[in-house]
Amino acid sequence: MSVPLDYAEYFPDGSVEISGCKDGHPRITAVVPAPDVNTPSEEERVQRHNQACDALYLRGYYIVSRRRIRNTTFDRTGQKTTLKVIYRPCKNKREVEQVHREILRIIRGSP
């Protein structure tokens, strides 16, 4: 029995099947807030952002871009504590291979 998660399917023998979509749709924009209120240190903030991106990779998504943005509710002037991530299904073999490498990195526990 396999376990499907969006665009990645995991099999009992340890193999992974990553599917995609030729036009790369849907394209999704998400934000991962990590304000000083809940995440006092920069290390914790980076860890929270990386965990969110790892979760997308494990679901088979290709991350188009990721950047920090200002959260007007919590951030002080000049501070950017929220991560904006744009992701979508893979469009081509190169993107599938990149997602595969990221999945292996996560599973093996590499930074």
PDB file of N, CA and C in Angstrom:
ATOM      1  N   MET A   1       0.851  -1.178   0.000  1.00  0.00           N
ATOM      2  CA  MET A   1       0.000   0.000   0.000  1.00  0.00           C
ATOM      3  C   MET A   1       0.897   1.242   0.000  1.00  0.00           C
ATOM      4  N   SER A   2       0.579   2.202  -0.842  1.00  0.00           N
ATOM      5  CA  SER A   2       1.354   3.442  -0.908  1.00  0.00           C
ATOM      6  C   SER A   2       0.632   4.545  -0.149  1.00  0.00           C
ATOM      7  N   VAL A   3       1.370   5.602   0.143  1.00  0.00           N
ATOM      8  CA  VAL A   3       0.803   6.755   0.838  1.00  0.00           C
ATOM      9  C   VAL A   3       0.933   7.970  -0.077  1.00  0.00           C
ATOM     10  N   PRO A   4      -0.184   8.440  -0.699  1.00  0.00           N
ATOM     11  CA  PRO A   4      -0.096   9.608  -1.559  1.00  0.00           C
ATOM     12  C   PRO A   4      -0.202  10.904  -0.747  1.00  0.00           C
ATOM     13  N   LEU A   5       0.628  11.867  -1.081  1.00  0.00           N
ATOM     14  CA  LEU A   5       0.576  13.198  -0.478  1.00  0.00           C
ATOM     15  C   LEU A   5       0.690  14.213  -1.607  1.00  0.00           C
ATOM     16  N   ASP A   6      -0.416  14.749  -2.047  1.00  0.00           N
ATOM     17  CA  ASP A   6      -0.458  15.710  -3.141  1.00  0.00           C
ATOM     18  C   ASP A   6       0.276  15.183  -4.375  1.00  0.00           C
ATOM     19  N   TYR A   7       1.526  15.591  -4.591  1.00  0.00           N
ATOM     20  CA  TYR A   7       2.261  15.213  -5.794  1.00  0.00           C
ATOM     21  C   TYR A   7       3.404  14.238  -5.515  1.00  0.00           C
ATOM     22  N   ALA A   8       3.482  13.712  -4.315  1.00  0.00           N
ATOM     23  CA  ALA A   8       4.488  12.700  -3.973  1.00  0.00           C
ATOM     24  C   ALA A   8       3.760  11.485  -3.401  1.00  0.00           C
ATOM     25  N   GLU A   9       4.187  10.309  -3.832  1.00  0.00           N
ATOM     26  CA  GLU A   9       3.600   9.075  -3.319  1.00  0.00           C
ATOM     27  C   GLU A   9       4.735   8.207  -2.788  1.00  0.00           C
ATOM     28  N   TYR A  10       4.596   7.774  -1.548  1.00  0.00           N
ATOM     29  CA  TYR A  10       5.627   6.991  -0.868  1.00  0.00           C
ATOM     30  C   TYR A  10       5.179   5.533  -0.795  1.00  0.00           C
ATOM     31  N   PHE A  11       6.094   4.620  -1.160  1.00  0.00           N
ATOM     32  CA  PHE A  11       5.788   3.198  -1.191  1.00  0.00           C
ATOM     33  C   PHE A  11       6.519   2.476  -0.056  1.00  0.00           C
ATOM     34  N   PRO A  12       5.991   1.316   0.391  1.00  0.00           N
ATOM     35  CA  PRO A  12       6.594   0.571   1.508  1.00  0.00           C
ATOM     36  C   PRO A  12       8.050   0.171   1.272  1.00  0.00           C
ATOM     37  N   ASP A  13       8.438   0.003   0.010  1.00  0.00           N
ATOM     38  CA  ASP A  13       9.822  -0.401  -0.271  1.00  0.00           C
ATOM     39  C   ASP A  13      10.805   0.774  -0.186  1.00  0.00           C
ATOM     40  N   GLY A  14      10.283   1.969   0.177  1.00  0.00           N
ATOM     41  CA  GLY A  14      11.145   3.137   0.328  1.00  0.00           C
ATOM     42  C   GLY A  14      11.240   4.004  -0.909  1.00  0.00           C
ATOM     43  N   SER A  15      10.605   3.603  -1.993  1.00  0.00           N
ATOM     44  CA  SER A  15      10.658   4.415  -3.208  1.00  0.00           C
ATOM     45  C   SER A  15       9.625   5.542  -3.151  1.00  0.00           C
ATOM     46  N   VAL A  16       9.868   6.561  -3.950  1.00  0.00           N
ATOM     47  CA  VAL A  16       9.008   7.731  -3.998  1.00  0.00           C
ATOM     48  C   VAL A  16       8.679   8.011  -5.456  1.00  0.00           C
ATOM     49  N   GLU A  17       7.421   8.298  -5.727  1.00  0.00           N
ATOM     50  CA  GLU A  17       7.008   8.694  -7.066  1.00  0.00           C
ATOM     51  C   GLU A  17       6.546  10.143  -6.997  1.00  0.00           C
ATOM     52  N   ILE A  18       7.177  11.000  -7.779  1.00  0.00           N
ATOM     53  CA  ILE A  18       6.840  12.425  -7.790  1.00  0.00           C
ATOM     54  C   ILE A  18       6.185  12.724  -9.124  1.00  0.00           C
ATOM     55  N   SER A  19       4.975  13.252  -9.095  1.00  0.00           N
ATOM     56  CA  SER A  19       4.290  13.625 -10.325  1.00  0.00           C
ATOM     57  C   SER A  19       4.265  15.142 -10.432  1.00  0.00           C
ATOM     58  N   GLY A  20       3.816  15.627 -11.548  1.00  0.00           N
ATOM     59  CA  GLY A  20       3.768  17.066 -11.759  1.00  0.00           C
ATOM     60  C   GLY A  20       2.634  17.421 -12.678  1.00  0.00           C
ATOM     61  N   CYS A  21       2.732  18.579 -13.261  1.00  0.00           N
ATOM     62  CA  CYS A  21       1.707  19.086 -14.155  1.00  0.00           C
ATOM     63  C   CYS A  21       2.416  19.946 -15.199  1.00  0.00           C
ATOM     64  N   LYS A  22       2.180  19.670 -16.479  1.00  0.00           N
ATOM     65  CA  LYS A  22       2.923  20.319 -17.557  1.00  0.00           C
ATOM     66  C   LYS A  22       2.888  21.846 -17.466  1.00  0.00           C
ATOM     67  N   ASP A  23       1.750  22.414 -17.090  1.00  0.00           N
ATOM     68  CA  ASP A  23       1.669  23.877 -17.009  1.00  0.00           C
ATOM     69  C   ASP A  23       2.012  24.424 -15.623  1.00  0.00           C
ATOM     70  N   GLY A  24       2.292  23.536 -14.680  1.00  0.00           N
ATOM     71  CA  GLY A  24       2.708  23.976 -13.349  1.00  0.00           C
ATOM     72  C   GLY A  24       1.597  24.577 -12.510  1.00  0.00           C
ATOM     73  N   HIS A  25       0.353  24.250 -12.810  1.00  0.00           N
ATOM     74  CA  HIS A  25      -0.757  24.792 -12.034  1.00  0.00           C
ATOM     75  C   HIS A  25      -1.291  23.737 -11.082  1.00  0.00           C
ATOM     76  N   PRO A  26      -1.798  24.037  -9.951  1.00  0.00           N
ATOM     77  CA  PRO A  26      -1.978  25.382  -9.426  1.00  0.00           C
ATOM     78  C   PRO A  26      -0.683  25.959  -8.868  1.00  0.00           C
ATOM     79  N   ARG A  27      -0.571  27.268  -8.910  1.00  0.00           N
ATOM     80  CA  ARG A  27       0.565  27.982  -8.330  1.00  0.00           C
ATOM     81  C   ARG A  27       0.045  28.630  -7.053  1.00  0.00           C
ATOM     82  N   ILE A  28       0.698  28.352  -5.955  1.00  0.00           N
ATOM     83  CA  ILE A  28       0.182  28.744  -4.646  1.00  0.00           C
ATOM     84  C   ILE A  28       1.167  29.670  -3.943  1.00  0.00           C
ATOM     85  N   THR A  29       0.636  30.691  -3.295  1.00  0.00           N
ATOM     86  CA  THR A  29       1.453  31.592  -2.478  1.00  0.00           C
ATOM     87  C   THR A  29       1.036  31.395  -1.026  1.00  0.00           C
ATOM     88  N   ALA A  30       2.018  31.180  -0.172  1.00  0.00           N
ATOM     89  CA  ALA A  30       1.752  30.981   1.254  1.00  0.00           C
ATOM     90  C   ALA A  30       2.687  31.861   2.069  1.00  0.00           C
ATOM     91  N   VAL A  31       2.260  32.179   3.266  1.00  0.00           N
ATOM     92  CA  VAL A  31       3.124  32.923   4.185  1.00  0.00           C
ATOM     93  C   VAL A  31       3.293  32.125   5.467  1.00  0.00           C
ATOM     94  N   VAL A  32       4.497  32.202   6.022  1.00  0.00           N
ATOM     95  CA  VAL A  32       4.815  31.503   7.268  1.00  0.00           C
ATOM     96  C   VAL A  32       5.257  32.558   8.267  1.00  0.00           C
ATOM     97  N   PRO A  33       4.344  33.029   9.119  1.00  0.00           N
ATOM     98  CA  PRO A  33       4.717  34.048  10.092  1.00  0.00           C
ATOM     99  C   PRO A  33       5.584  33.475  11.212  1.00  0.00           C
ATOM    100  N   ALA A  34       6.528  34.263  11.641  1.00  0.00           N
ATOM    101  CA  ALA A  34       7.378  33.873  12.771  1.00  0.00           C
ATOM    102  C   ALA A  34       7.777  35.137  13.525  1.00  0.00           C
ATOM    103  N   PRO A  35       6.794  35.857  14.070  1.00  0.00           N
ATOM    104  CA  PRO A  35       7.096  37.123  14.752  1.00  0.00           C
ATOM    105  C   PRO A  35       7.844  36.914  16.064  1.00  0.00           C
ATOM    106  N   ASP A  36       8.436  37.986  16.553  1.00  0.00           N
ATOM    107  CA  ASP A  36       9.163  37.954  17.822  1.00  0.00           C
ATOM    108  C   ASP A  36       8.294  37.455  18.976  1.00  0.00           C
ATOM    109  N   VAL A  37       6.990  37.640  18.864  1.00  0.00           N
ATOM    110  CA  VAL A  37       6.074  37.234  19.927  1.00  0.00           C
ATOM    111  C   VAL A  37       6.169  35.723  20.168  1.00  0.00           C
ATOM    112  N   ASN A  38       6.168  34.938  19.073  1.00  0.00           N
ATOM    113  CA  ASN A  38       6.197  33.473  19.197  1.00  0.00           C
ATOM    114  C   ASN A  38       7.565  32.869  18.952  1.00  0.00           C
ATOM    115  N   THR A  39       8.429  33.596  18.256  1.00  0.00           N
ATOM    116  CA  THR A  39       9.728  33.075  17.845  1.00  0.00           C
ATOM    117  C   THR A  39      10.795  34.105  18.199  1.00  0.00           C
ATOM    118  N   PRO A  40      11.278  34.096  19.434  1.00  0.00           N
ATOM    119  CA  PRO A  40      12.174  35.154  19.883  1.00  0.00           C
ATOM    120  C   PRO A  40      13.556  35.179  19.227  1.00  0.00           C
ATOM    121  N   SER A  41      14.069  34.044  18.790  1.00  0.00           N
ATOM    122  CA  SER A  41      15.423  34.053  18.231  1.00  0.00           C
ATOM    123  C   SER A  41      15.401  33.852  16.714  1.00  0.00           C
ATOM    124  N   GLU A  42      16.412  34.382  16.067  1.00  0.00           N
ATOM    125  CA  GLU A  42      16.536  34.245  14.615  1.00  0.00           C
ATOM    126  C   GLU A  42      16.741  32.781  14.221  1.00  0.00           C
ATOM    127  N   GLU A  43      17.457  32.010  15.031  1.00  0.00           N
ATOM    128  CA  GLU A  43      17.666  30.594  14.726  1.00  0.00           C
ATOM    129  C   GLU A  43      16.336  29.842  14.684  1.00  0.00           C
ATOM    130  N   GLU A  44      15.463  30.116  15.650  1.00  0.00           N
ATOM    131  CA  GLU A  44      14.144  29.475  15.678  1.00  0.00           C
ATOM    132  C   GLU A  44      13.315  29.887  14.462  1.00  0.00           C
ATOM    133  N   ARG A  45      13.432  31.144  14.092  1.00  0.00           N
ATOM    134  CA  ARG A  45      12.692  31.656  12.941  1.00  0.00           C
ATOM    135  C   ARG A  45      13.137  30.945  11.658  1.00  0.00           C
ATOM    136  N   VAL A  46      14.432  30.849  11.452  1.00  0.00           N
ATOM    137  CA  VAL A  46      14.966  30.173  10.273  1.00  0.00           C
ATOM    138  C   VAL A  46      14.543  28.707  10.281  1.00  0.00           C
ATOM    139  N   GLN A  47      14.587  28.077  11.444  1.00  0.00           N
ATOM    140  CA  GLN A  47      14.181  26.676  11.563  1.00  0.00           C
ATOM    141  C   GLN A  47      12.703  26.508  11.198  1.00  0.00           C
ATOM    142  N   ARG A  48      11.860  27.396  11.658  1.00  0.00           N
ATOM    143  CA  ARG A  48      10.424  27.332  11.351  1.00  0.00           C
ATOM    144  C   ARG A  48      10.194  27.487   9.842  1.00  0.00           C
ATOM    145  N   HIS A  49      10.908  28.437   9.242  1.00  0.00           N
ATOM    146  CA  HIS A  49      10.783  28.651   7.796  1.00  0.00           C
ATOM    147  C   HIS A  49      11.267  27.431   7.020  1.00  0.00           C
ATOM    148  N   ASN A  50      12.396  26.865   7.429  1.00  0.00           N
ATOM    149  CA  ASN A  50      12.935  25.675   6.740  1.00  0.00           C
ATOM    150  C   ASN A  50      12.005  24.477   6.883  1.00  0.00           C
ATOM    151  N   GLN A  51      11.398  24.311   8.046  1.00  0.00           N
ATOM    152  CA  GLN A  51      10.468  23.203   8.256  1.00  0.00           C
ATOM    153  C   GLN A  51       9.247  23.339   7.354  1.00  0.00           C
ATOM    154  N   ALA A  52       8.778  24.562   7.155  1.00  0.00           N
ATOM    155  CA  ALA A  52       7.636  24.779   6.267  1.00  0.00           C
ATOM    156  C   ALA A  52       7.997  24.417   4.828  1.00  0.00           C
ATOM    157  N   CYS A  53       9.182  24.803   4.388  1.00  0.00           N
ATOM    158  CA  CYS A  53       9.627  24.473   3.031  1.00  0.00           C
ATOM    159  C   CYS A  53       9.854  22.973   2.882  1.00  0.00           C
ATOM    160  N   ASP A  54      10.421  22.334   3.898  1.00  0.00           N
ATOM    161  CA  ASP A  54      10.622  20.886   3.859  1.00  0.00           C
ATOM    162  C   ASP A  54       9.288  20.152   3.730  1.00  0.00           C
ATOM    163  N   ALA A  55       8.262  20.643   4.419  1.00  0.00           N
ATOM    164  CA  ALA A  55       6.942  20.014   4.336  1.00  0.00           C
ATOM    165  C   ALA A  55       6.393  20.104   2.913  1.00  0.00           C
ATOM    166  N   LEU A  56       6.662  21.204   2.226  1.00  0.00           N
ATOM    167  CA  LEU A  56       6.218  21.333   0.829  1.00  0.00           C
ATOM    168  C   LEU A  56       6.964  20.356  -0.067  1.00  0.00           C
ATOM    169  N   TYR A  57       8.277  20.247   0.122  1.00  0.00           N
ATOM    170  CA  TYR A  57       9.055  19.289  -0.667  1.00  0.00           C
ATOM    171  C   TYR A  57       8.545  17.862  -0.453  1.00  0.00           C
ATOM    172  N   LEU A  58       8.266  17.505   0.797  1.00  0.00           N
ATOM    173  CA  LEU A  58       7.804  16.154   1.098  1.00  0.00           C
ATOM    174  C   LEU A  58       6.453  15.848   0.461  1.00  0.00           C
ATOM    175  N   ARG A  59       5.696  16.872   0.157  1.00  0.00           N
ATOM    176  CA  ARG A  59       4.407  16.694  -0.524  1.00  0.00           C
ATOM    177  C   ARG A  59       4.562  16.719  -2.041  1.00  0.00           C
ATOM    178  N   GLY A  60       5.810  16.893  -2.521  1.00  0.00           N
ATOM    179  CA  GLY A  60       6.087  16.831  -3.949  1.00  0.00           C
ATOM    180  C   GLY A  60       6.027  18.157  -4.677  1.00  0.00           C
ATOM    181  N   TYR A  61       5.971  19.255  -3.942  1.00  0.00           N
ATOM    182  CA  TYR A  61       5.897  20.567  -4.574  1.00  0.00           C
ATOM    183  C   TYR A  61       7.277  21.126  -4.902  1.00  0.00           C
ATOM    184  N   TYR A  62       7.335  21.911  -5.954  1.00  0.00           N
ATOM    185  CA  TYR A  62       8.544  22.635  -6.358  1.00  0.00           C
ATOM    186  C   TYR A  62       8.411  24.062  -5.835  1.00  0.00           C
ATOM    187  N   ILE A  63       9.415  24.540  -5.122  1.00  0.00           N
ATOM    188  CA  ILE A  63       9.376  25.906  -4.586  1.00  0.00           C
ATOM    189  C   ILE A  63       9.961  26.851  -5.626  1.00  0.00           C
ATOM    190  N   VAL A  64       9.112  27.757  -6.112  1.00  0.00           N
ATOM    191  CA  VAL A  64       9.505  28.723  -7.133  1.00  0.00           C
ATOM    192  C   VAL A  64      10.332  29.835  -6.500  1.00  0.00           C
ATOM    193  N   SER A  65       9.860  30.354  -5.372  1.00  0.00           N
ATOM    194  CA  SER A  65      10.607  31.403  -4.686  1.00  0.00           C
ATOM    195  C   SER A  65      10.260  31.417  -3.205  1.00  0.00           C
ATOM    196  N   ARG A  66      11.200  31.907  -2.445  1.00  0.00           N
ATOM    197  CA  ARG A  66      10.989  32.106  -1.016  1.00  0.00           C
ATOM    198  C   ARG A  66      11.762  33.344  -0.614  1.00  0.00           C
ATOM    199  N   ARG A  67      11.072  34.237   0.105  1.00  0.00           N
ATOM    200  CA  ARG A  67      11.731  35.459   0.562  1.00  0.00           C
ATOM    201  C   ARG A  67      11.040  35.957   1.827  1.00  0.00           C
ATOM    202  N   ARG A  68      11.787  36.694   2.591  1.00  0.00           N
ATOM    203  CA  ARG A  68      11.241  37.257   3.827  1.00  0.00           C
ATOM    204  C   ARG A  68      10.517  38.558   3.507  1.00  0.00           C
ATOM    205  N   ILE A  69       9.382  38.747   4.151  1.00  0.00           N
ATOM    206  CA  ILE A  69       8.608  39.972   3.986  1.00  0.00           C
ATOM    207  C   ILE A  69       8.275  40.555   5.355  1.00  0.00           C
ATOM    208  N   ARG A  70       7.865  41.803   5.352  1.00  0.00           N
ATOM    209  CA  ARG A  70       7.504  42.483   6.604  1.00  0.00           C
ATOM    210  C   ARG A  70       6.072  42.132   6.982  1.00  0.00           C
ATOM    211  N   ASN A  71       5.882  41.736   8.229  1.00  0.00           N
ATOM    212  CA  ASN A  71       4.558  41.488   8.789  1.00  0.00           C
ATOM    213  C   ASN A  71       4.139  42.772   9.487  1.00  0.00           C
ATOM    214  N   THR A  72       3.249  43.533   8.846  1.00  0.00           N
ATOM    215  CA  THR A  72       2.897  44.860   9.374  1.00  0.00           C
ATOM    216  C   THR A  72       2.242  44.800  10.743  1.00  0.00           C
ATOM    217  N   THR A  73       1.673  43.660  11.102  1.00  0.00           N
ATOM    218  CA  THR A  73       1.022  43.529  12.405  1.00  0.00           C
ATOM    219  C   THR A  73       2.030  43.425  13.543  1.00  0.00           C
ATOM    220  N   PHE A  74       3.128  42.679  13.335  1.00  0.00           N
ATOM    221  CA  PHE A  74       4.049  42.380  14.424  1.00  0.00           C
ATOM    222  C   PHE A  74       5.435  42.998  14.292  1.00  0.00           C
ATOM    223  N   ASP A  75       5.901  43.248  13.076  1.00  0.00           N
ATOM    224  CA  ASP A  75       7.293  43.656  12.876  1.00  0.00           C
ATOM    225  C   ASP A  75       7.540  45.126  13.162  1.00  0.00           C
ATOM    226  N   ARG A  76       8.725  45.361  13.719  1.00  0.00           N
ATOM    227  CA  ARG A  76       9.172  46.735  13.911  1.00  0.00           C
ATOM    228  C   ARG A  76       9.713  47.254  12.576  1.00  0.00           C
ATOM    229  N   THR A  77       9.966  48.522  12.485  1.00  0.00           N
ATOM    230  CA  THR A  77      10.491  49.117  11.266  1.00  0.00           C
ATOM    231  C   THR A  77      11.767  48.408  10.827  1.00  0.00           C
ATOM    232  N   GLY A  78      11.804  48.000   9.560  1.00  0.00           N
ATOM    233  CA  GLY A  78      12.971  47.330   9.014  1.00  0.00           C
ATOM    234  C   GLY A  78      13.057  45.843   9.301  1.00  0.00           C
ATOM    235  N   GLN A  79      12.167  45.319  10.104  1.00  0.00           N
ATOM    236  CA  GLN A  79      12.201  43.912  10.466  1.00  0.00           C
ATOM    237  C   GLN A  79      11.334  43.102   9.498  1.00  0.00           C
ATOM    238  N   LYS A  80      11.810  41.914   9.116  1.00  0.00           N
ATOM    239  CA  LYS A  80      11.070  41.014   8.227  1.00  0.00           C
ATOM    240  C   LYS A  80      11.097  39.615   8.837  1.00  0.00           C
ATOM    241  N   THR A  81       9.985  39.211   9.437  1.00  0.00           N
ATOM    242  CA  THR A  81       9.950  37.922  10.140  1.00  0.00           C
ATOM    243  C   THR A  81       9.058  36.887   9.465  1.00  0.00           C
ATOM    244  N   THR A  82       8.403  37.247   8.390  1.00  0.00           N
ATOM    245  CA  THR A  82       7.483  36.331   7.721  1.00  0.00           C
ATOM    246  C   THR A  82       8.094  35.847   6.410  1.00  0.00           C
ATOM    247  N   LEU A  83       7.954  34.556   6.148  1.00  0.00           N
ATOM    248  CA  LEU A  83       8.456  33.979   4.903  1.00  0.00           C
ATOM    249  C   LEU A  83       7.304  33.884   3.907  1.00  0.00           C
ATOM    250  N   LYS A  84       7.538  34.401   2.697  1.00  0.00           N
ATOM    251  CA  LYS A  84       6.570  34.273   1.603  1.00  0.00           C
ATOM    252  C   LYS A  84       7.113  33.205   0.653  1.00  0.00           C
ATOM    253  N   VAL A  85       6.326  32.149   0.428  1.00  0.00           N
ATOM    254  CA  VAL A  85       6.744  31.024  -0.407  1.00  0.00           C
ATOM    255  C   VAL A  85       5.755  30.873  -1.560  1.00  0.00           C
ATOM    256  N   ILE A  86       6.296  30.782  -2.777  1.00  0.00           N
ATOM    257  CA  ILE A  86       5.476  30.481  -3.947  1.00  0.00           C
ATOM    258  C   ILE A  86       5.875  29.087  -4.402  1.00  0.00           C
ATOM    259  N   TYR A  87       4.894  28.197  -4.525  1.00  0.00           N
ATOM    260  CA  TYR A  87       5.187  26.810  -4.891  1.00  0.00           C
ATOM    261  C   TYR A  87       4.121  26.283  -5.836  1.00  0.00           C
ATOM    262  N   ARG A  88       4.468  25.180  -6.508  1.00  0.00           N
ATOM    263  CA  ARG A  88       3.577  24.581  -7.488  1.00  0.00           C
ATOM    264  C   ARG A  88       4.044  23.155  -7.784  1.00  0.00           C
ATOM    265  N   PRO A  89       3.236  22.395  -8.550  1.00  0.00           N
ATOM    266  CA  PRO A  89       3.709  21.081  -9.000  1.00  0.00           C
ATOM    267  C   PRO A  89       4.896  21.257  -9.948  1.00  0.00           C
ATOM    268  N   CYS A  90       5.708  20.236 -10.070  1.00  0.00           N
ATOM    269  CA  CYS A  90       6.854  20.271 -10.993  1.00  0.00           C
ATOM    270  C   CYS A  90       6.354  20.327 -12.432  1.00  0.00           C
ATOM    271  N   LYS A  91       7.102  21.071 -13.277  1.00  0.00           N
ATOM    272  CA  LYS A  91       6.752  21.186 -14.696  1.00  0.00           C
ATOM    273  C   LYS A  91       7.595  20.287 -15.595  1.00  0.00           C
ATOM    274  N   ASN A  92       8.807  19.968 -15.159  1.00  0.00           N
ATOM    275  CA  ASN A  92       9.720  19.224 -16.026  1.00  0.00           C
ATOM    276  C   ASN A  92      10.620  18.307 -15.197  1.00  0.00           C
ATOM    277  N   LYS A  93      11.421  17.542 -15.892  1.00  0.00           N
ATOM    278  CA  LYS A  93      12.291  16.546 -15.249  1.00  0.00           C
ATOM    279  C   LYS A  93      13.284  17.195 -14.283  1.00  0.00           C
ATOM    280  N   ARG A  94      13.860  18.332 -14.661  1.00  0.00           N
ATOM    281  CA  ARG A  94      14.826  19.015 -13.801  1.00  0.00           C
ATOM    282  C   ARG A  94      14.204  19.367 -12.447  1.00  0.00           C
ATOM    283  N   GLU A  95      12.976  19.863 -12.467  1.00  0.00           N
ATOM    284  CA  GLU A  95      12.307  20.222 -11.217  1.00  0.00           C
ATOM    285  C   GLU A  95      11.975  18.983 -10.390  1.00  0.00           C
ATOM    286  N   VAL A  96      11.553  17.906 -11.046  1.00  0.00           N
ATOM    287  CA  VAL A  96      11.280  16.655 -10.328  1.00  0.00           C
ATOM    288  C   VAL A  96      12.552  16.160  -9.654  1.00  0.00           C
ATOM    289  N   GLU A  97      13.676  16.225 -10.379  1.00  0.00           N
ATOM    290  CA  GLU A  97      14.951  15.779  -9.802  1.00  0.00           C
ATOM    291  C   GLU A  97      15.355  16.638  -8.615  1.00  0.00           C
ATOM    292  N   GLN A  98      15.107  17.942  -8.688  1.00  0.00           N
ATOM    293  CA  GLN A  98      15.440  18.818  -7.566  1.00  0.00           C
ATOM    294  C   GLN A  98      14.588  18.478  -6.348  1.00  0.00           C
ATOM    295  N   VAL A  99      13.293  18.280  -6.551  1.00  0.00           N
ATOM    296  CA  VAL A  99      12.413  17.911  -5.435  1.00  0.00           C
ATOM    297  C   VAL A  99      12.847  16.571  -4.854  1.00  0.00           C
ATOM    298  N   HIS A 100      13.222  15.638  -5.716  1.00  0.00           N
ATOM    299  CA  HIS A 100      13.695  14.336  -5.257  1.00  0.00           C
ATOM    300  C   HIS A 100      14.936  14.483  -4.373  1.00  0.00           C
ATOM    301  N   ARG A 101      15.890  15.315  -4.809  1.00  0.00           N
ATOM    302  CA  ARG A 101      17.098  15.548  -3.998  1.00  0.00           C
ATOM    303  C   ARG A 101      16.736  16.143  -2.641  1.00  0.00           C
ATOM    304  N   GLU A 102      15.793  17.069  -2.634  1.00  0.00           N
ATOM    305  CA  GLU A 102      15.372  17.685  -1.365  1.00  0.00           C
ATOM    306  C   GLU A 102      14.709  16.658  -0.457  1.00  0.00           C
ATOM    307  N   ILE A 103      13.880  15.778  -1.029  1.00  0.00           N
ATOM    308  CA  ILE A 103      13.234  14.730  -0.224  1.00  0.00           C
ATOM    309  C   ILE A 103      14.282  13.818   0.391  1.00  0.00           C
ATOM    310  N   LEU A 104      15.277  13.422  -0.405  1.00  0.00           N
ATOM    311  CA  LEU A 104      16.357  12.574   0.126  1.00  0.00           C
ATOM    312  C   LEU A 104      17.113  13.289   1.236  1.00  0.00           C
ATOM    313  N   ARG A 105      17.392  14.583   1.061  1.00  0.00           N
ATOM    314  CA  ARG A 105      18.087  15.366   2.083  1.00  0.00           C
ATOM    315  C   ARG A 105      17.290  15.352   3.384  1.00  0.00           C
ATOM    316  N   ILE A 106      15.994  15.559   3.273  1.00  0.00           N
ATOM    317  CA  ILE A 106      15.136  15.604   4.468  1.00  0.00           C
ATOM    318  C   ILE A 106      15.087  14.241   5.156  1.00  0.00           C
ATOM    319  N   ILE A 107      14.893  13.202   4.369  1.00  0.00           N
ATOM    320  CA  ILE A 107      14.802  11.853   4.931  1.00  0.00           C
ATOM    321  C   ILE A 107      16.106  11.439   5.609  1.00  0.00           C
ATOM    322  N   ARG A 108      17.213  11.806   5.009  1.00  0.00           N
ATOM    323  CA  ARG A 108      18.526  11.450   5.569  1.00  0.00           C
ATOM    324  C   ARG A 108      18.928  12.338   6.734  1.00  0.00           C
ATOM    325  N   GLY A 109      18.198  13.438   6.938  1.00  0.00           N
ATOM    326  CA  GLY A 109      18.479  14.319   8.058  1.00  0.00           C
ATOM    327  C   GLY A 109      19.627  15.275   7.844  1.00  0.00           C
ATOM    328  N   SER A 110      19.960  15.548   6.594  1.00  0.00           N
ATOM    329  CA  SER A 110      21.031  16.507   6.307  1.00  0.00           C
ATOM    330  C   SER A 110      20.496  17.931   6.423  1.00  0.00           C
ATOM    331  N   PRO A 111      21.350  18.884   6.758  1.00  0.00           N
ATOM    332  CA  PRO A 111      20.895  20.274   6.866  1.00  0.00           C
ATOM    333  C   PRO A 111      20.632  20.907   5.516  1.00  0.00           C
TER     334      PRO A 111
END
